[in-house]
C-alpha atoms as a PDB file:
ATOM      1  CA  UNK A   1      75.278 125.708  14.760  1.00  0.00           C
ATOM      2  CA  UNK A   2      76.834 128.401  16.592  1.00  0.00           C
ATOM      3  CA  UNK A   3      75.501 127.208  20.127  1.00  0.00           C
ATOM      4  CA  UNK A   4      77.290 123.218  19.148  1.00  0.00           C
ATOM      5  CA  UNK A   5      80.142 124.835  17.664  1.00  0.00           C
ATOM      6  CA  UNK A   6      80.842 126.720  21.694  1.00  0.00           C
ATOM      7  CA  UNK A   7      79.460 123.717  23.574  1.00  0.00           C
ATOM      8  CA  UNK A   8      82.391 121.583  21.501  1.00  0.00           C
ATOM      9  CA  UNK A   9      84.971 124.248  21.830  1.00  0.00           C
ATOM     10  CA  UNK A  10      84.275 124.241  26.048  1.00  0.00           C
ATOM     11  CA  UNK A  11      84.278 120.636  26.055  1.00  0.00           C
ATOM     12  CA  UNK A  12      87.664 120.650  24.113  1.00  0.00           C
ATOM     13  CA  UNK A  13      88.876 123.300  26.066  1.00  0.00           C
ATOM     14  CA  UNK A  14      88.471 121.580  29.589  1.00  0.00           C
ATOM     15  CA  UNK A  15      88.796 118.062  28.252  1.00  0.00           C
ATOM     16  CA  UNK A  16      92.661 117.944  29.111  1.00  0.00           C
ATOM     17  CA  UNK A  17      91.874 118.630  33.129  1.00  0.00           C
ATOM     18  CA  UNK A  18      89.174 115.642  32.885  1.00  0.00           C
ATOM     19  CA  UNK A  19      91.287 113.486  31.397  1.00  0.00           C
ATOM     20  CA  UNK A  20      94.074 114.715  34.157  1.00  0.00           C
ATOM     21  CA  UNK A  21      91.819 114.282  37.144  1.00  0.00           C
ATOM     22  CA  UNK A  22      90.570 110.684  35.346  1.00  0.00           C
ATOM     23  CA  UNK A  23      94.010 109.699  35.053  1.00  0.00           C
ATOM     24  CA  UNK A  24      95.769 111.113  38.127  1.00  0.00           C
ATOM     25  CA  UNK A  25      92.994 110.861  40.557  1.00  0.00           C
ATOM     26  CA  UNK A  26      90.461 108.313  39.814  1.00  0.00           C
ATOM     27  CA  UNK A  27      92.412 105.710  38.263  1.00  0.00           C
ATOM     28  CA  UNK A  28      95.139 105.887  40.783  1.00  0.00           C
ATOM     29  CA  UNK A  29      92.820 105.461  43.185  1.00  0.00           C
ATOM     30  CA  UNK A  30      91.264 102.243  41.299  1.00  0.00           C
ATOM     31  CA  UNK A  31      94.994 101.303  41.249  1.00  0.00           C
ATOM     32  CA  UNK A  32      95.221 101.316  44.868  1.00  0.00           C
ATOM     33  CA  UNK A  33      91.986  99.819  45.676  1.00  0.00           C
ATOM     34  CA  UNK A  34      93.183  96.555  43.747  1.00  0.00           C
ATOM     35  CA  UNK A  35      96.466  96.680  45.187  1.00  0.00           C
ATOM     36  CA  UNK A  36      95.174  96.860  48.641  1.00  0.00           C
ATOM     37  CA  UNK A  37      93.006  93.361  47.848  1.00  0.00           C
ATOM     38  CA  UNK A  38      96.153  91.736  46.537  1.00  0.00           C
ATOM     39  CA  UNK A  39      98.970  90.390  47.697  1.00  0.00           C
ATOM     40  CA  UNK A  40     101.899  91.943  46.794  1.00  0.00           C
ATOM     41  CA  UNK A  41     105.032  91.997  49.021  1.00  0.00           C
ATOM     42  CA  UNK A  42     108.448  93.199  47.648  1.00  0.00           C
ATOM     43  CA  UNK A  43     109.332  95.326  44.798  1.00  0.00           C
ATOM     44  CA  UNK A  44     108.077  92.664  42.168  1.00  0.00           C
ATOM     45  CA  UNK A  45     104.351  93.395  41.449  1.00  0.00           C
ATOM     46  CA  UNK A  46     101.833  90.775  42.695  1.00  0.00           C
ATOM     47  CA  UNK A  47      98.346  91.454  42.072  1.00  0.00           C
ATOM     48  CA  UNK A  48      97.457  87.669  43.409  1.00  0.00           C
ATOM     49  CA  UNK A  49      93.804  87.904  44.786  1.00  0.00           C
ATOM     50  CA  UNK A  50      93.734  88.260  48.560  1.00  0.00           C
ATOM     51  CA  UNK A  51      90.319  89.480  49.001  1.00  0.00           C
ATOM     52  CA  UNK A  52      89.824  91.762  52.122  1.00  0.00           C
ATOM     53  CA  UNK A  53      92.481  90.439  54.082  1.00  0.00           C
ATOM     54  CA  UNK A  54      94.647  92.846  54.635  1.00  0.00           C
ATOM     55  CA  UNK A  55      92.289  95.268  56.192  1.00  0.00           C
ATOM     56  CA  UNK A  56      91.074  92.186  58.431  1.00  0.00           C
ATOM     57  CA  UNK A  57      94.970  91.828  59.099  1.00  0.00           C
ATOM     58  CA  UNK A  58      94.964  95.398  59.456  1.00  0.00           C
ATOM     59  CA  UNK A  59      91.612  95.814  61.998  1.00  0.00           C
ATOM     60  CA  UNK A  60      93.566  92.936  64.093  1.00  0.00           C
ATOM     61  CA  UNK A  61      96.860  94.433  64.321  1.00  0.00           C
ATOM     62  CA  UNK A  62      97.564  95.945  67.981  1.00  0.00           C
ATOM     63  CA  UNK A  63      99.722  99.212  66.021  1.00  0.00           C
ATOM     64  CA  UNK A  64      96.641 100.183  64.012  1.00  0.00           C
ATOM     65  CA  UNK A  65      94.363 100.000  67.274  1.00  0.00           C
ATOM     66  CA  UNK A  66      97.465 102.536  68.961  1.00  0.00           C
ATOM     67  CA  UNK A  67      97.041 104.388  65.224  1.00  0.00           C
ATOM     68  CA  UNK A  68      93.016 104.936  65.996  1.00  0.00           C
ATOM     69  CA  UNK A  69      93.416 105.940  69.404  1.00  0.00           C
ATOM     70  CA  UNK A  70      95.869 108.739  68.594  1.00  0.00           C
ATOM     71  CA  UNK A  71      94.067 110.136  65.300  1.00  0.00           C
ATOM     72  CA  UNK A  72      90.656 110.163  68.019  1.00  0.00           C
ATOM     73  CA  UNK A  73      92.697 112.035  70.502  1.00  0.00           C
ATOM     74  CA  UNK A  74      95.106 114.545  67.840  1.00  0.00           C
ATOM     75  CA  UNK A  75      91.372 115.043  66.184  1.00  0.00           C
ATOM     76  CA  UNK A  76      89.262 115.905  69.466  1.00  0.00           C
ATOM     77  CA  UNK A  77      92.087 118.290  70.839  1.00  0.00           C
ATOM     78  CA  UNK A  78      93.472 120.043  67.622  1.00  0.00           C
ATOM     79  CA  UNK A  79      89.898 120.696  65.851  1.00  0.00           C
ATOM     80  CA  UNK A  80      88.427 121.551  69.627  1.00  0.00           C
ATOM     81  CA  UNK A  81      91.448 124.115  70.329  1.00  0.00           C
ATOM     82  CA  UNK A  82      91.418 125.494  66.983  1.00  0.00           C
ATOM     83  CA  UNK A  83      87.935 126.267  66.773  1.00  0.00           C
ATOM     84  CA  UNK A  84      87.955 127.744  70.115  1.00  0.00           C
ATOM     85  CA  UNK A  85      90.978 129.899  69.894  1.00  0.00           C
ATOM     86  CA  UNK A  86      90.177 130.927  66.593  1.00  0.00           C
ATOM     87  CA  UNK A  87      86.605 132.090  67.767  1.00  0.00           C
ATOM     88  CA  UNK A  88      88.242 133.938  70.791  1.00  0.00           C
ATOM     89  CA  UNK A  89      90.853 135.812  68.821  1.00  0.00           C
ATOM     90  CA  UNK A  90      87.925 136.672  65.798  1.00  0.00           C
ATOM     91  CA  UNK A  91      85.722 138.208  68.738  1.00  0.00           C
ATOM     92  CA  UNK A  92      88.725 140.445  69.890  1.00  0.00           C
ATOM     93  CA  UNK A  93      89.038 141.529  66.473  1.00  0.00           C
ATOM     94  CA  UNK A  94      85.861 142.161  66.129  1.00  0.00           C
ATOM     95  CA  UNK A  95      85.877 144.642  69.024  1.00  0.00           C
ATOM     96  CA  UNK A  96      87.535 147.502  66.741  1.00  0.00           C
ATOM     97  CA  UNK A  97      90.472 147.077  67.781  1.00  0.00           C
ATOM     98  CA  UNK A  98      93.630 149.258  66.936  1.00  0.00           C
ATOM     99  CA  UNK A  99      95.687 148.145  64.653  1.00  0.00           C
ATOM    100  CA  UNK A 100      93.448 145.357  63.705  1.00  0.00           C
ATOM    101  CA  UNK A 101      95.116 144.886  59.930  1.00  0.00           C
ATOM    102  CA  UNK A 102      98.221 144.083  62.090  1.00  0.00           C
ATOM    103  CA  UNK A 103      96.771 141.169  64.393  1.00  0.00           C
ATOM    104  CA  UNK A 104      95.084 139.828  61.590  1.00  0.00           C
ATOM    105  CA  UNK A 105      97.721 138.889  59.885  1.00  0.00           C
ATOM    106  CA  UNK A 106     100.103 138.078  63.126  1.00  0.00           C
ATOM    107  CA  UNK A 107      97.608 135.522  63.577  1.00  0.00           C
ATOM    108  CA  UNK A 108      97.357 134.216  60.236  1.00  0.00           C
ATOM    109  CA  UNK A 109     100.876 134.083  59.494  1.00  0.00           C
ATOM    110  CA  UNK A 110     101.753 130.520  60.995  1.00  0.00           C
ATOM    111  CA  UNK A 111      99.097 129.175  58.396  1.00  0.00           C
ATOM    112  CA  UNK A 112     101.955 130.663  55.623  1.00  0.00           C
ATOM    113  CA  UNK A 113     104.334 127.792  57.414  1.00  0.00           C
ATOM    114  CA  UNK A 114     104.456 124.484  56.409  1.00  0.00           C
ATOM    115  CA  UNK A 115     103.849 121.936  58.897  1.00  0.00           C
ATOM    116  CA  UNK A 116     107.984 120.637  58.591  1.00  0.00           C
ATOM    117  CA  UNK A 117     108.695 124.052  59.746  1.00  0.00           C
ATOM    118  CA  UNK A 118     106.309 124.204  62.731  1.00  0.00           C
ATOM    119  CA  UNK A 119     107.537 120.639  63.777  1.00  0.00           C
ATOM    120  CA  UNK A 120     111.185 121.990  63.614  1.00  0.00           C
ATOM    121  CA  UNK A 121     109.970 125.213  65.761  1.00  0.00           C
ATOM    122  CA  UNK A 122     107.746 123.526  68.338  1.00  0.00           C
ATOM    123  CA  UNK A 123     110.328 120.374  68.739  1.00  0.00           C
ATOM    124  CA  UNK A 124     112.510 123.067  70.550  1.00  0.00           C
ATOM    125  CA  UNK A 125     109.575 124.281  72.146  1.00  0.00           C
ATOM    126  CA  UNK A 126     108.259 121.104  73.555  1.00  0.00           C
ATOM    127  CA  UNK A 127     111.549 120.038  74.330  1.00  0.00           C
ATOM    128  CA  UNK A 128     111.337 117.593  77.449  1.00  0.00           C
ATOM    129  CA  UNK A 129     115.054 117.547  78.574  1.00  0.00           C
ATOM    130  CA  UNK A 130     115.605 118.594  82.202  1.00  0.00           C
ATOM    131  CA  UNK A 131     118.217 120.192  84.203  1.00  0.00           C
ATOM    132  CA  UNK A 132     121.070 122.296  82.402  1.00  0.00           C
ATOM    133  CA  UNK A 133     119.646 121.175  79.091  1.00  0.00           C
ATOM    134  CA  UNK A 134     116.240 122.774  79.668  1.00  0.00           C
ATOM    135  CA  UNK A 135     114.686 124.915  77.145  1.00  0.00           C
ATOM    136  CA  UNK A 136     111.873 126.332  75.081  1.00  0.00           C
ATOM    137  CA  UNK A 137     108.684 126.278  76.836  1.00  0.00           C
ATOM    138  CA  UNK A 138     110.106 124.260  80.292  1.00  0.00           C
ATOM    139  CA  UNK A 139     112.586 126.979  80.713  1.00  0.00           C
ATOM    140  CA  UNK A 140     110.386 129.553  80.267  1.00  0.00           C
ATOM    141  CA  UNK A 141     108.088 128.118  82.993  1.00  0.00           C
ATOM    142  CA  UNK A 142     110.573 127.472  85.104  1.00  0.00           C
ATOM    143  CA  UNK A 143     111.842 131.277  85.100  1.00  0.00           C
ATOM    144  CA  UNK A 144     108.526 132.956  85.764  1.00  0.00           C
ATOM    145  CA  UNK A 145     107.949 130.263  88.545  1.00  0.00           C
ATOM    146  CA  UNK A 146     105.394 128.663  87.090  1.00  0.00           C
ATOM    147  CA  UNK A 147     107.641 125.442  87.325  1.00  0.00           C
ATOM    148  CA  UNK A 148     104.158 123.200  87.973  1.00  0.00           C
ATOM    149  CA  UNK A 149     103.522 123.708  84.145  1.00  0.00           C
ATOM    150  CA  UNK A 150     107.304 121.955  82.718  1.00  0.00           C
ATOM    151  CA  UNK A 151     106.209 118.632  81.458  1.00  0.00           C
ATOM    152  CA  UNK A 152     107.555 116.011  79.071  1.00  0.00           C
ATOM    153  CA  UNK A 153     105.454 117.242  76.308  1.00  0.00           C
ATOM    154  CA  UNK A 154     105.362 114.905  73.645  1.00  0.00           C
ATOM    155  CA  UNK A 155     106.678 112.086  75.394  1.00  0.00           C
ATOM    156  CA  UNK A 156     104.033 111.560  77.875  1.00  0.00           C
ATOM    157  CA  UNK A 157     102.772 108.256  77.466  1.00  0.00           C
ATOM    158  CA  UNK A 158      99.210 107.963  76.563  1.00  0.00           C
ATOM    159  CA  UNK A 159      98.679 111.633  76.080  1.00  0.00           C
ATOM    160  CA  UNK A 160     101.861 112.882  73.936  1.00  0.00           C
ATOM    161  CA  UNK A 161      99.605 113.248  70.718  1.00  0.00           C
ATOM    162  CA  UNK A 162      97.797 115.703  72.451  1.00  0.00           C
ATOM    163  CA  UNK A 163     101.100 117.971  72.981  1.00  0.00           C
ATOM    164  CA  UNK A 164     101.718 117.868  68.902  1.00  0.00           C
ATOM    165  CA  UNK A 165      98.055 119.068  68.244  1.00  0.00           C
ATOM    166  CA  UNK A 166      99.682 122.332  70.476  1.00  0.00           C
ATOM    167  CA  UNK A 167     101.440 122.826  67.502  1.00  0.00           C
ATOM    168  CA  UNK A 168      98.684 121.846  64.372  1.00  0.00           C
ATOM    169  CA  UNK A 169      96.327 124.669  66.653  1.00  0.00           C
ATOM    170  CA  UNK A 170      99.046 127.665  66.752  1.00  0.00           C
ATOM    171  CA  UNK A 171      99.467 127.372  63.106  1.00  0.00           C
ATOM    172  CA  UNK A 172      95.646 126.515  62.279  1.00  0.00           C
ATOM    173  CA  UNK A 173      93.923 128.880  64.596  1.00  0.00           C
ATOM    174  CA  UNK A 174      94.795 132.139  62.346  1.00  0.00           C
ATOM    175  CA  UNK A 175      92.923 130.216  59.577  1.00  0.00           C
ATOM    176  CA  UNK A 176      89.840 129.560  61.664  1.00  0.00           C
ATOM    177  CA  UNK A 177      90.058 133.482  63.091  1.00  0.00           C
ATOM    178  CA  UNK A 178      89.453 134.440  59.483  1.00  0.00           C
ATOM    179  CA  UNK A 179      86.562 132.279  59.097  1.00  0.00           C
ATOM    180  CA  UNK A 180      85.060 133.158  61.852  1.00  0.00           C
ATOM    181  CA  UNK A 181      85.780 136.962  61.468  1.00  0.00           C
ATOM    182  CA  UNK A 182      84.146 136.926  58.093  1.00  0.00           C
ATOM    183  CA  UNK A 183      80.951 135.604  59.651  1.00  0.00           C
ATOM    184  CA  UNK A 184      80.832 137.946  62.273  1.00  0.00           C
ATOM    185  CA  UNK A 185      81.232 140.355  59.952  1.00  0.00           C
ATOM    186  CA  UNK A 186      78.081 139.094  57.797  1.00  0.00           C
ATOM    187  CA  UNK A 187      76.129 139.125  60.414  1.00  0.00           C
ATOM    188  CA  UNK A 188      73.829 142.967  60.638  1.00  0.00           C
ATOM    189  CA  UNK A 189      74.963 145.219  63.673  1.00  0.00           C
ATOM    190  CA  UNK A 190      70.903 146.156  63.891  1.00  0.00           C
ATOM    191  CA  UNK A 191      70.485 142.371  65.504  1.00  0.00           C
ATOM    192  CA  UNK A 192      73.443 143.150  68.236  1.00  0.00           C
ATOM    193  CA  UNK A 193      71.717 146.560  68.598  1.00  0.00           C
ATOM    194  CA  UNK A 194      68.175 145.334  68.877  1.00  0.00           C
ATOM    195  CA  UNK A 195      69.377 142.658  71.521  1.00  0.00           C
ATOM    196  CA  UNK A 196      71.362 145.696  73.338  1.00  0.00           C
ATOM    197  CA  UNK A 197      68.235 146.878  73.578  1.00  0.00           C
ATOM    198  CA  UNK A 198      66.255 144.486  75.098  1.00  0.00           C
ATOM    199  CA  UNK A 199      68.552 144.224  77.730  1.00  0.00           C
ATOM    200  CA  UNK A 200      71.136 140.701  76.736  1.00  0.00           C
ATOM    201  CA  UNK A 201      74.731 141.590  77.599  1.00  0.00           C
ATOM    202  CA  UNK A 202      77.799 140.405  75.487  1.00  0.00           C
ATOM    203  CA  UNK A 203      77.738 137.120  76.601  1.00  0.00           C
ATOM    204  CA  UNK A 204      74.091 136.352  75.723  1.00  0.00           C
ATOM    205  CA  UNK A 205      74.531 138.238  73.107  1.00  0.00           C
ATOM    206  CA  UNK A 206      77.245 135.659  71.368  1.00  0.00           C
ATOM    207  CA  UNK A 207      75.862 133.059  72.913  1.00  0.00           C
ATOM    208  CA  UNK A 208      72.134 133.300  71.529  1.00  0.00           C
ATOM    209  CA  UNK A 209      72.851 135.140  68.409  1.00  0.00           C
ATOM    210  CA  UNK A 210      76.068 135.196  67.124  1.00  0.00           C
ATOM    211  CA  UNK A 211      76.890 131.607  67.601  1.00  0.00           C
ATOM    212  CA  UNK A 212      73.909 130.334  66.044  1.00  0.00           C
ATOM    213  CA  UNK A 213      74.266 132.411  63.015  1.00  0.00           C
ATOM    214  CA  UNK A 214      77.937 131.128  62.487  1.00  0.00           C
ATOM    215  CA  UNK A 215      76.353 127.463  62.374  1.00  0.00           C
ATOM    216  CA  UNK A 216      77.540 127.722  58.768  1.00  0.00           C
ATOM    217  CA  UNK A 217      81.079 128.973  59.296  1.00  0.00           C
ATOM    218  CA  UNK A 218      81.604 126.579  62.650  1.00  0.00           C
ATOM    219  CA  UNK A 219      80.569 123.181  60.407  1.00  0.00           C
ATOM    220  CA  UNK A 220      82.928 124.228  57.543  1.00  0.00           C
ATOM    221  CA  UNK A 221      85.998 124.685  59.907  1.00  0.00           C
ATOM    222  CA  UNK A 222      84.923 121.346  61.311  1.00  0.00           C
ATOM    223  CA  UNK A 223      85.139 119.811  58.164  1.00  0.00           C
ATOM    224  CA  UNK A 224      88.332 121.431  57.270  1.00  0.00           C
ATOM    225  CA  UNK A 225      90.383 120.721  60.199  1.00  0.00           C
ATOM    226  CA  UNK A 226      89.224 117.078  60.584  1.00  0.00           C
ATOM    227  CA  UNK A 227      90.077 115.618  57.292  1.00  0.00           C
ATOM    228  CA  UNK A 228      93.830 117.285  57.922  1.00  0.00           C
ATOM    229  CA  UNK A 229      93.910 115.928  61.499  1.00  0.00           C
ATOM    230  CA  UNK A 230      92.792 112.841  59.717  1.00  0.00           C
ATOM    231  CA  UNK A 231      96.303 112.714  57.429  1.00  0.00           C
ATOM    232  CA  UNK A 232      98.890 114.687  59.774  1.00  0.00           C
ATOM    233  CA  UNK A 233     102.012 113.071  58.748  1.00  0.00           C
ATOM    234  CA  UNK A 234     104.863 115.471  58.608  1.00  0.00           C
ATOM    235  CA  UNK A 235     104.084 117.509  61.820  1.00  0.00           C
ATOM    236  CA  UNK A 236     104.291 114.263  63.828  1.00  0.00           C
ATOM    237  CA  UNK A 237     107.476 113.224  62.135  1.00  0.00           C
ATOM    238  CA  UNK A 238     109.280 116.681  62.304  1.00  0.00           C
ATOM    239  CA  UNK A 239     108.321 116.765  66.197  1.00  0.00           C
ATOM    240  CA  UNK A 240     109.114 113.431  66.979  1.00  0.00           C
ATOM    241  CA  UNK A 241     110.381 111.078  64.682  1.00  0.00           C
ATOM    242  CA  UNK A 242     108.601 107.937  63.549  1.00  0.00           C
ATOM    243  CA  UNK A 243     107.633 106.586  67.338  1.00  0.00           C
ATOM    244  CA  UNK A 244     105.166 104.025  68.132  1.00  0.00           C
ATOM    245  CA  UNK A 245     103.728 105.953  71.128  1.00  0.00           C
ATOM    246  CA  UNK A 246     102.883 108.196  68.591  1.00  0.00           C
ATOM    247  CA  UNK A 247     102.352 106.662  65.909  1.00  0.00           C
ATOM    248  CA  UNK A 248      99.193 107.563  62.976  1.00  0.00           C
ATOM    249  CA  UNK A 249      97.711 105.469  59.821  1.00  0.00           C
ATOM    250  CA  UNK A 250      99.658 107.505  57.297  1.00  0.00           C
ATOM    251  CA  UNK A 251     102.868 107.212  59.174  1.00  0.00           C
ATOM    252  CA  UNK A 252     101.993 103.480  60.030  1.00  0.00           C
ATOM    253  CA  UNK A 253     101.295 102.995  55.970  1.00  0.00           C
ATOM    254  CA  UNK A 254     104.762 104.858  55.188  1.00  0.00           C
ATOM    255  CA  UNK A 255     106.816 102.277  56.782  1.00  0.00           C
ATOM    256  CA  UNK A 256     104.918  99.721  56.293  1.00  0.00           C
ATOM    257  CA  UNK A 257     104.854 100.431  52.401  1.00  0.00           C
ATOM    258  CA  UNK A 258     108.558 101.784  52.050  1.00  0.00           C
ATOM    259  CA  UNK A 259     110.496 100.043  54.486  1.00  0.00           C
ATOM    260  CA  UNK A 260     108.681  96.982  55.035  1.00  0.00           C
ATOM    261  CA  UNK A 261     107.636  96.832  51.240  1.00  0.00           C
ATOM    262  CA  UNK A 262     104.028  95.375  52.270  1.00  0.00           C
ATOM    263  CA  UNK A 263     102.450  96.755  49.040  1.00  0.00           C
ATOM    264  CA  UNK A 264      98.923  95.641  49.982  1.00  0.00           C
ATOM    265  CA  UNK A 265      98.757  96.398  53.304  1.00  0.00           C
ATOM    266  CA  UNK A 266      99.861 100.033  52.895  1.00  0.00           C
ATOM    267  CA  UNK A 267      97.341 100.835  50.135  1.00  0.00           C
ATOM    268  CA  UNK A 268      94.921  98.879  52.588  1.00  0.00           C
ATOM    269  CA  UNK A 269      95.749 101.982  55.220  1.00  0.00           C
ATOM    270  CA  UNK A 270      95.471 104.281  52.166  1.00  0.00           C
ATOM    271  CA  UNK A 271      91.889 103.369  51.422  1.00  0.00           C
ATOM    272  CA  UNK A 272      90.866 103.300  54.834  1.00  0.00           C
ATOM    273  CA  UNK A 273      92.309 106.849  55.196  1.00  0.00           C
ATOM    274  CA  UNK A 274      90.357 108.029  51.990  1.00  0.00           C
ATOM    275  CA  UNK A 275      87.107 106.403  52.895  1.00  0.00           C
ATOM    276  CA  UNK A 276      87.345 108.595  56.729  1.00  0.00           C
ATOM    277  CA  UNK A 277      88.365 111.559  54.779  1.00  0.00           C
ATOM    278  CA  UNK A 278      85.177 110.891  52.534  1.00  0.00           C
ATOM    279  CA  UNK A 279      83.126 110.049  55.504  1.00  0.00           C
ATOM    280  CA  UNK A 280      83.736 113.455  56.621  1.00  0.00           C
ATOM    281  CA  UNK A 281      83.821 115.468  53.600  1.00  0.00           C
ATOM    282  CA  UNK A 282      80.925 113.999  51.381  1.00  0.00           C
ATOM    283  CA  UNK A 283      77.731 114.654  53.521  1.00  0.00           C
ATOM    284  CA  UNK A 284      79.072 118.465  53.891  1.00  0.00           C
ATOM    285  CA  UNK A 285      79.584 118.491  49.880  1.00  0.00           C
ATOM    286  CA  UNK A 286      75.859 117.483  49.740  1.00  0.00           C
ATOM    287  CA  UNK A 287      74.755 119.770  52.107  1.00  0.00           C
ATOM    288  CA  UNK A 288      76.284 122.712  50.817  1.00  0.00           C
ATOM    289  CA  UNK A 289      74.638 122.082  47.119  1.00  0.00           C
ATOM    290  CA  UNK A 290      71.457 121.562  48.933  1.00  0.00           C
ATOM    291  CA  UNK A 291      71.445 125.156  50.078  1.00  0.00           C
ATOM    292  CA  UNK A 292      73.047 126.640  46.916  1.00  0.00           C
ATOM    293  CA  UNK A 293      70.124 125.040  45.290  1.00  0.00           C
ATOM    294  CA  UNK A 294      67.418 126.236  47.807  1.00  0.00           C
ATOM    295  CA  UNK A 295      69.070 129.851  48.032  1.00  0.00           C
END
């Protein structure tokens, strides 16, 4: 009897959270799906059935093609750059440097800053102006004799979105560093010592021993950074505003929904983003649960 009472109390205790998640997550997802299948345009709700026409129009829309291209470029530069820089920083800190705590905090500090603040700072750093108005990184390059590195940054045709990814790398590489550093510290020192006795150099140790053992950390970093890149919005707006060459699905969704009042089409973009993130995260969740069950 007491066991049934405890079970009832446990369910009663968590029921408000379950109800809140159901209403504010799954119910709103369901409502967004319904809106994406409607002809809703304007302030007055219109749930007239429109099948998947909103989705078909999006994939025929040249602007959405630009969005997909920019997202792929941003994701590739951001994820690869953050993981490489984070790994290098972790390897450096794993060498037993003096003041490791200070450097670890220094590298992690950007993560505590919002994308809006990062965008404002990097908008100045990547100022594409020339002549007397030169500032930020271009001015630095000019002063140290590296004029060839000065460029138009985010105003560069086609690849401007890659310049914005640099700001995201600066913000999130410290987080990736923390993941890799924790993974390196979890690897037994005996493995490294045994490899050194066998004649392996540092590069071979990291390539053939450390990196394979860090594959779960790499997978986690890939998933976390990947889903963040798919939803990027505020960083781009803070640096460059809403420009078509730097457009991404989240910005298009904002403009078409709240500026153009095409709620059906805006909801369709939101669902596409949700599905994209789910495709990235769900296999990882299944892999994690399977690994935990086997252990």
